PDB file of all heavy atoms in Angstrom:
ATOM      1  N   GLU A   1      42.325 107.517  70.191  1.00  0.00           N
ATOM      2  CA  GLU A   1      42.903 106.167  70.315  1.00  0.00           C
ATOM      3  C   GLU A   1      44.279 106.211  70.982  1.00  0.00           C
ATOM      4  O   GLU A   1      44.581 105.379  71.825  1.00  0.00           O
ATOM      5  CB  GLU A   1      43.016 105.480  68.958  1.00  0.00           C
ATOM      6  CG  GLU A   1      41.678 105.083  68.362  1.00  0.00           C
ATOM      7  CD  GLU A   1      41.028 103.968  69.161  1.00  0.00           C
ATOM      8  OE1 GLU A   1      41.720 103.051  69.614  1.00  0.00           O
ATOM      9  OE2 GLU A   1      39.791 104.033  69.321  1.00  0.00           O
ATOM     10  N   LEU A   2      45.086 107.183  70.573  1.00  0.00           N
ATOM     11  CA  LEU A   2      46.433 107.299  71.205  1.00  0.00           C
ATOM     12  C   LEU A   2      46.330 107.641  72.661  1.00  0.00           C
ATOM     13  O   LEU A   2      47.053 107.095  73.495  1.00  0.00           O
ATOM     14  CB  LEU A   2      47.240 108.371  70.485  1.00  0.00           C
ATOM     15  CG  LEU A   2      47.780 107.959  69.124  1.00  0.00           C
ATOM     16  CD1 LEU A   2      48.444 109.150  68.424  1.00  0.00           C
ATOM     17  CD2 LEU A   2      48.766 106.831  69.266  1.00  0.00           C
ATOM     18  N   VAL A   3      45.385 108.537  73.007  1.00  0.00           N
ATOM     19  CA  VAL A   3      45.206 108.875  74.427  1.00  0.00           C
ATOM     20  C   VAL A   3      44.750 107.673  75.221  1.00  0.00           C
ATOM     21  O   VAL A   3      45.213 107.414  76.321  1.00  0.00           O
ATOM     22  CB  VAL A   3      44.178 110.041  74.568  1.00  0.00           C
ATOM     23  CG1 VAL A   3      43.759 110.236  76.021  1.00  0.00           C
ATOM     24  CG2 VAL A   3      44.760 111.347  74.027  1.00  0.00           C
ATOM     25  N   TYR A   4      43.853 106.878  74.613  1.00  0.00           N
ATOM     26  CA  TYR A   4      43.357 105.630  75.273  1.00  0.00           C
ATOM     27  C   TYR A   4      44.505 104.652  75.546  1.00  0.00           C
ATOM     28  O   TYR A   4      44.647 104.129  76.642  1.00  0.00           O
ATOM     29  CB  TYR A   4      42.291 104.982  74.403  1.00  0.00           C
ATOM     30  CG  TYR A   4      41.835 103.655  74.943  1.00  0.00           C
ATOM     31  CD1 TYR A   4      40.931 103.583  75.984  1.00  0.00           C
ATOM     32  CD2 TYR A   4      42.292 102.473  74.367  1.00  0.00           C
ATOM     33  CE1 TYR A   4      40.513 102.377  76.481  1.00  0.00           C
ATOM     34  CE2 TYR A   4      41.888 101.246  74.868  1.00  0.00           C
ATOM     35  CZ  TYR A   4      40.969 101.196  75.942  1.00  0.00           C
ATOM     36  OH  TYR A   4      40.604  99.982  76.424  1.00  0.00           O
ATOM     37  N   VAL A   5      45.370 104.442  74.536  1.00  0.00           N
ATOM     38  CA  VAL A   5      46.515 103.531  74.687  1.00  0.00           C
ATOM     39  C   VAL A   5      47.464 104.067  75.762  1.00  0.00           C
ATOM     40  O   VAL A   5      47.887 103.314  76.647  1.00  0.00           O
ATOM     41  CB  VAL A   5      47.252 103.334  73.354  1.00  0.00           C
ATOM     42  CG1 VAL A   5      48.577 102.650  73.524  1.00  0.00           C
ATOM     43  CG2 VAL A   5      46.367 102.571  72.375  1.00  0.00           C
ATOM     44  N   ARG A   6      47.768 105.357  75.715  1.00  0.00           N
ATOM     45  CA  ARG A   6      48.669 105.934  76.712  1.00  0.00           C
ATOM     46  C   ARG A   6      48.102 105.785  78.122  1.00  0.00           C
ATOM     47  O   ARG A   6      48.804 105.376  79.065  1.00  0.00           O
ATOM     48  CB  ARG A   6      48.896 107.413  76.402  1.00  0.00           C
ATOM     49  CG  ARG A   6      49.893 108.027  77.401  1.00  0.00           C
ATOM     50  CD  ARG A   6      49.882 109.529  77.392  1.00  0.00           C
ATOM     51  NE  ARG A   6      48.562 110.049  77.716  1.00  0.00           N
ATOM     52  CZ  ARG A   6      48.191 111.291  77.537  1.00  0.00           C
ATOM     53  NH1 ARG A   6      49.034 112.140  77.037  1.00  0.00           N
ATOM     54  NH2 ARG A   6      47.013 111.722  77.865  1.00  0.00           N
ATOM     55  N   ASN A   7      46.837 106.099  78.268  1.00  0.00           N
ATOM     56  CA  ASN A   7      46.212 106.010  79.614  1.00  0.00           C
ATOM     57  C   ASN A   7      46.157 104.568  80.104  1.00  0.00           C
ATOM     58  O   ASN A   7      46.373 104.314  81.307  1.00  0.00           O
ATOM     59  CB  ASN A   7      44.824 106.619  79.612  1.00  0.00           C
ATOM     60  CG  ASN A   7      44.893 108.122  79.454  1.00  0.00           C
ATOM     61  OD1 ASN A   7      45.929 108.753  79.669  1.00  0.00           O
ATOM     62  ND2 ASN A   7      43.744 108.738  79.085  1.00  0.00           N
ATOM     63  N   ALA A   8      45.908 103.637  79.216  1.00  0.00           N
ATOM     64  CA  ALA A   8      45.881 102.219  79.581  1.00  0.00           C
ATOM     65  C   ALA A   8      47.255 101.764  80.051  1.00  0.00           C
ATOM     66  O   ALA A   8      47.387 101.057  81.046  1.00  0.00           O
ATOM     67  CB  ALA A   8      45.395 101.340  78.416  1.00  0.00           C
ATOM     68  N   LEU A   9      48.283 102.214  79.375  1.00  0.00           N
ATOM     69  CA  LEU A   9      49.652 101.847  79.749  1.00  0.00           C
ATOM     70  C   LEU A   9      50.047 102.465  81.073  1.00  0.00           C
ATOM     71  O   LEU A   9      50.679 101.832  81.920  1.00  0.00           O
ATOM     72  CB  LEU A   9      50.660 102.241  78.693  1.00  0.00           C
ATOM     73  CG  LEU A   9      50.623 101.330  77.410  1.00  0.00           C
ATOM     74  CD1 LEU A   9      51.482 101.942  76.357  1.00  0.00           C
ATOM     75  CD2 LEU A   9      51.089  99.928  77.771  1.00  0.00           C
ATOM     76  N   HIS A  10      49.634 103.729  81.272  1.00  0.00           N
ATOM     77  CA  HIS A  10      49.967 104.376  82.540  1.00  0.00           C
ATOM     78  C   HIS A  10      49.240 103.701  83.695  1.00  0.00           C
ATOM     79  O   HIS A  10      49.731 103.740  84.833  1.00  0.00           O
ATOM     80  CB  HIS A  10      49.589 105.867  82.478  1.00  0.00           C
ATOM     81  CG  HIS A  10      50.629 106.704  81.821  1.00  0.00           C
ATOM     82  ND1 HIS A  10      51.843 106.981  82.397  1.00  0.00           N
ATOM     83  CD2 HIS A  10      50.631 107.351  80.606  1.00  0.00           C
ATOM     84  CE1 HIS A  10      52.552 107.740  81.581  1.00  0.00           C
ATOM     85  NE2 HIS A  10      51.848 107.974  80.492  1.00  0.00           N
ATOM     86  N   ALA A  11      48.079 103.127  83.463  1.00  0.00           N
ATOM     87  CA  ALA A  11      47.309 102.465  84.528  1.00  0.00           C
ATOM     88  C   ALA A  11      47.918 101.148  84.942  1.00  0.00           C
ATOM     89  O   ALA A  11      47.662 100.679  86.032  1.00  0.00           O
ATOM     90  CB  ALA A  11      45.868 102.262  84.070  1.00  0.00           C
ATOM     91  N   LEU A  12      48.743 100.538  84.051  1.00  0.00           N
ATOM     92  CA  LEU A  12      49.351  99.248  84.404  1.00  0.00           C
ATOM     93  C   LEU A  12      50.457  99.430  85.435  1.00  0.00           C
ATOM     94  O   LEU A  12      51.168 100.443  85.414  1.00  0.00           O
ATOM     95  CB  LEU A  12      49.979  98.620  83.141  1.00  0.00           C
ATOM     96  CG  LEU A  12      49.011  98.085  82.076  1.00  0.00           C
ATOM     97  CD1 LEU A  12      49.837  97.638  80.877  1.00  0.00           C
ATOM     98  CD2 LEU A  12      48.166  96.972  82.612  1.00  0.00           C
ATOM     99  N   PRO A  13      50.621  98.448  86.312  1.00  0.00           N
ATOM    100  CA  PRO A  13      51.755  98.502  87.237  1.00  0.00           C
ATOM    101  C   PRO A  13      53.054  98.424  86.444  1.00  0.00           C
ATOM    102  O   PRO A  13      53.085  97.879  85.328  1.00  0.00           O
ATOM    103  CB  PRO A  13      51.598  97.268  88.122  1.00  0.00           C
ATOM    104  CG  PRO A  13      50.234  96.747  87.845  1.00  0.00           C
ATOM    105  CD  PRO A  13      49.765  97.298  86.544  1.00  0.00           C
ATOM    106  N   GLN A  14      54.128  98.934  87.029  1.00  0.00           N
ATOM    107  CA  GLN A  14      55.410  98.934  86.353  1.00  0.00           C
ATOM    108  C   GLN A  14      55.869  97.527  85.926  1.00  0.00           C
ATOM    109  O   GLN A  14      56.408  97.384  84.833  1.00  0.00           O
ATOM    110  CB  GLN A  14      56.470  99.568  87.290  1.00  0.00           C
ATOM    111  CG  GLN A  14      57.824  99.781  86.666  1.00  0.00           C
ATOM    112  CD  GLN A  14      57.845 100.911  85.642  1.00  0.00           C
ATOM    113  OE1 GLN A  14      56.947 101.737  85.582  1.00  0.00           O
ATOM    114  NE2 GLN A  14      58.844 100.915  84.809  1.00  0.00           N
ATOM    115  N   THR A  15      55.593  96.544  86.723  1.00  0.00           N
ATOM    116  CA  THR A  15      56.004  95.188  86.392  1.00  0.00           C
ATOM    117  C   THR A  15      55.271  94.686  85.132  1.00  0.00           C
ATOM    118  O   THR A  15      55.879  94.017  84.305  1.00  0.00           O
ATOM    119  CB  THR A  15      55.717  94.207  87.558  1.00  0.00           C
ATOM    120  OG1 THR A  15      54.328  94.301  87.929  1.00  0.00           O
ATOM    121  CG2 THR A  15      56.586  94.542  88.732  1.00  0.00           C
ATOM    122  N   GLU A  16      53.984  95.015  84.984  1.00  0.00           N
ATOM    123  CA  GLU A  16      53.248  94.611  83.793  1.00  0.00           C
ATOM    124  C   GLU A  16      53.762  95.332  82.564  1.00  0.00           C
ATOM    125  O   GLU A  16      53.875  94.775  81.475  1.00  0.00           O
ATOM    126  CB  GLU A  16      51.734  94.921  83.959  1.00  0.00           C
ATOM    127  CG  GLU A  16      51.052  94.024  84.971  1.00  0.00           C
ATOM    128  CD  GLU A  16      51.046  92.552  84.529  1.00  0.00           C
ATOM    129  OE1 GLU A  16      50.783  92.277  83.361  1.00  0.00           O
ATOM    130  OE2 GLU A  16      51.375  91.695  85.381  1.00  0.00           O
ATOM    131  N   ARG A  17      54.089  96.621  82.701  1.00  0.00           N
ATOM    132  CA  ARG A  17      54.670  97.358  81.562  1.00  0.00           C
ATOM    133  C   ARG A  17      55.969  96.763  81.124  1.00  0.00           C
ATOM    134  O   ARG A  17      56.242  96.658  79.938  1.00  0.00           O
ATOM    135  CB  ARG A  17      54.836  98.835  81.938  1.00  0.00           C
ATOM    136  CG  ARG A  17      53.571  99.623  81.928  1.00  0.00           C
ATOM    137  CD  ARG A  17      53.882 101.083  82.042  1.00  0.00           C
ATOM    138  NE  ARG A  17      53.307 101.566  83.310  1.00  0.00           N
ATOM    139  CZ  ARG A  17      53.651 102.670  83.901  1.00  0.00           C
ATOM    140  NH1 ARG A  17      54.529 103.468  83.377  1.00  0.00           N
ATOM    141  NH2 ARG A  17      53.092 103.025  85.023  1.00  0.00           N
ATOM    142  N   LEU A  18      56.805  96.374  82.082  1.00  0.00           N
ATOM    143  CA  LEU A  18      58.073  95.755  81.747  1.00  0.00           C
ATOM    144  C   LEU A  18      57.883  94.435  81.020  1.00  0.00           C
ATOM    145  O   LEU A  18      58.662  94.077  80.134  1.00  0.00           O
ATOM    146  CB  LEU A  18      58.948  95.590  82.993  1.00  0.00           C
ATOM    147  CG  LEU A  18      59.566  96.892  83.502  1.00  0.00           C
ATOM    148  CD1 LEU A  18      60.281  96.618  84.839  1.00  0.00           C
ATOM    149  CD2 LEU A  18      60.537  97.467  82.491  1.00  0.00           C
ATOM    150  N   LYS A  19      56.847  93.675  81.390  1.00  0.00           N
ATOM    151  CA  LYS A  19      56.548  92.430  80.676  1.00  0.00           C
ATOM    152  C   LYS A  19      56.174  92.685  79.238  1.00  0.00           C
ATOM    153  O   LYS A  19      56.563  91.949  78.324  1.00  0.00           O
ATOM    154  CB  LYS A  19      55.390  91.673  81.352  1.00  0.00           C
ATOM    155  CG  LYS A  19      55.767  90.993  82.626  1.00  0.00           C
ATOM    156  CD  LYS A  19      54.532  90.283  83.189  1.00  0.00           C
ATOM    157  CE  LYS A  19      54.761  89.814  84.606  1.00  0.00           C
ATOM    158  NZ  LYS A  19      53.531  89.221  85.183  1.00  0.00           N
ATOM    159  N   LEU A  20      55.430  93.783  79.023  1.00  0.00           N
ATOM    160  CA  LEU A  20      55.015  94.126  77.644  1.00  0.00           C
ATOM    161  C   LEU A  20      56.175  94.624  76.785  1.00  0.00           C
ATOM    162  O   LEU A  20      56.278  94.342  75.603  1.00  0.00           O
ATOM    163  CB  LEU A  20      53.914  95.169  77.682  1.00  0.00           C
ATOM    164  CG  LEU A  20      52.561  94.734  78.180  1.00  0.00           C
ATOM    165  CD1 LEU A  20      51.631  95.936  78.300  1.00  0.00           C
ATOM    166  CD2 LEU A  20      51.940  93.712  77.251  1.00  0.00           C
ATOM    167  N   PHE A  21      57.044  95.430  77.408  1.00  0.00           N
ATOM    168  CA  PHE A  21      58.093  96.088  76.640  1.00  0.00           C
ATOM    169  C   PHE A  21      59.494  95.473  76.796  1.00  0.00           C
ATOM    170  O   PHE A  21      60.375  95.811  76.045  1.00  0.00           O
ATOM    171  CB  PHE A  21      58.129  97.580  76.995  1.00  0.00           C
ATOM    172  CG  PHE A  21      56.951  98.357  76.456  1.00  0.00           C
ATOM    173  CD1 PHE A  21      55.863  98.593  77.261  1.00  0.00           C
ATOM    174  CD2 PHE A  21      56.990  98.823  75.168  1.00  0.00           C
ATOM    175  CE1 PHE A  21      54.783  99.319  76.757  1.00  0.00           C
ATOM    176  CE2 PHE A  21      55.913  99.553  74.659  1.00  0.00           C
ATOM    177  CZ  PHE A  21      54.813  99.780  75.491  1.00  0.00           C
ATOM    178  N   LYS A  22      59.683  94.713  77.808  1.00  0.00           N
ATOM    179  CA  LYS A  22      60.961  94.027  78.077  1.00  0.00           C
ATOM    180  C   LYS A  22      62.092  94.967  78.514  1.00  0.00           C
ATOM    181  O   LYS A  22      62.832  94.670  79.401  1.00  0.00           O
ATOM    182  CB  LYS A  22      61.441  93.171  76.905  1.00  0.00           C
ATOM    183  CG  LYS A  22      60.457  92.187  76.401  1.00  0.00           C
ATOM    184  CD  LYS A  22      60.196  91.075  77.404  1.00  0.00           C
ATOM    185  CE  LYS A  22      59.295  90.033  76.786  1.00  0.00           C
ATOM    186  NZ  LYS A  22      58.346  89.500  77.695  1.00  0.00           N
ATOM    187  N   ARG A  23      62.202  96.104  77.882  1.00  0.00           N
ATOM    188  CA  ARG A  23      63.298  97.036  78.200  1.00  0.00           C
ATOM    189  C   ARG A  23      62.670  98.387  78.621  1.00  0.00           C
ATOM    190  O   ARG A  23      61.890  98.985  77.898  1.00  0.00           O
ATOM    191  CB  ARG A  23      64.180  97.265  76.996  1.00  0.00           C
ATOM    192  CG  ARG A  23      64.997  96.048  76.614  1.00  0.00           C
ATOM    193  CD  ARG A  23      65.933  96.276  75.447  1.00  0.00           C
ATOM    194  NE  ARG A  23      66.275  97.643  75.155  1.00  0.00           N
ATOM    195  CZ  ARG A  23      66.410  98.095  73.911  1.00  0.00           C
ATOM    196  NH1 ARG A  23      66.174  97.328  72.886  1.00  0.00           N
ATOM    197  NH2 ARG A  23      66.732  99.347  73.706  1.00  0.00           N
ATOM    198  N   ALA A  24      63.116  98.843  79.778  1.00  0.00           N
ATOM    199  CA  ALA A  24      62.574 100.107  80.315  1.00  0.00           C
ATOM    200  C   ALA A  24      62.879 101.293  79.382  1.00  0.00           C
ATOM    201  O   ALA A  24      62.032 102.161  79.219  1.00  0.00           O
ATOM    202  CB  ALA A  24      63.106 100.348  81.721  1.00  0.00           C
ATOM    203  N   ASP A  25      64.072 101.334  78.819  1.00  0.00           N
ATOM    204  CA  ASP A  25      64.424 102.493  77.962  1.00  0.00           C
ATOM    205  C   ASP A  25      63.538 102.528  76.716  1.00  0.00           C
ATOM    206  O   ASP A  25      63.132 103.573  76.265  1.00  0.00           O
ATOM    207  CB  ASP A  25      65.908 102.461  77.593  1.00  0.00           C
ATOM    208  CG  ASP A  25      66.298 101.248  76.776  1.00  0.00           C
ATOM    209  OD1 ASP A  25      65.828 100.119  77.068  1.00  0.00           O
ATOM    210  OD2 ASP A  25      67.104 101.421  75.849  1.00  0.00           O
TER     211      ASP A  25
END
């Protein structure tokens, strides 16, 4: 499950990841 979540996040474009997390750090 952790590998799946990590891979799904890595597959998202940077802009989508920033929308999910708000802060890059």
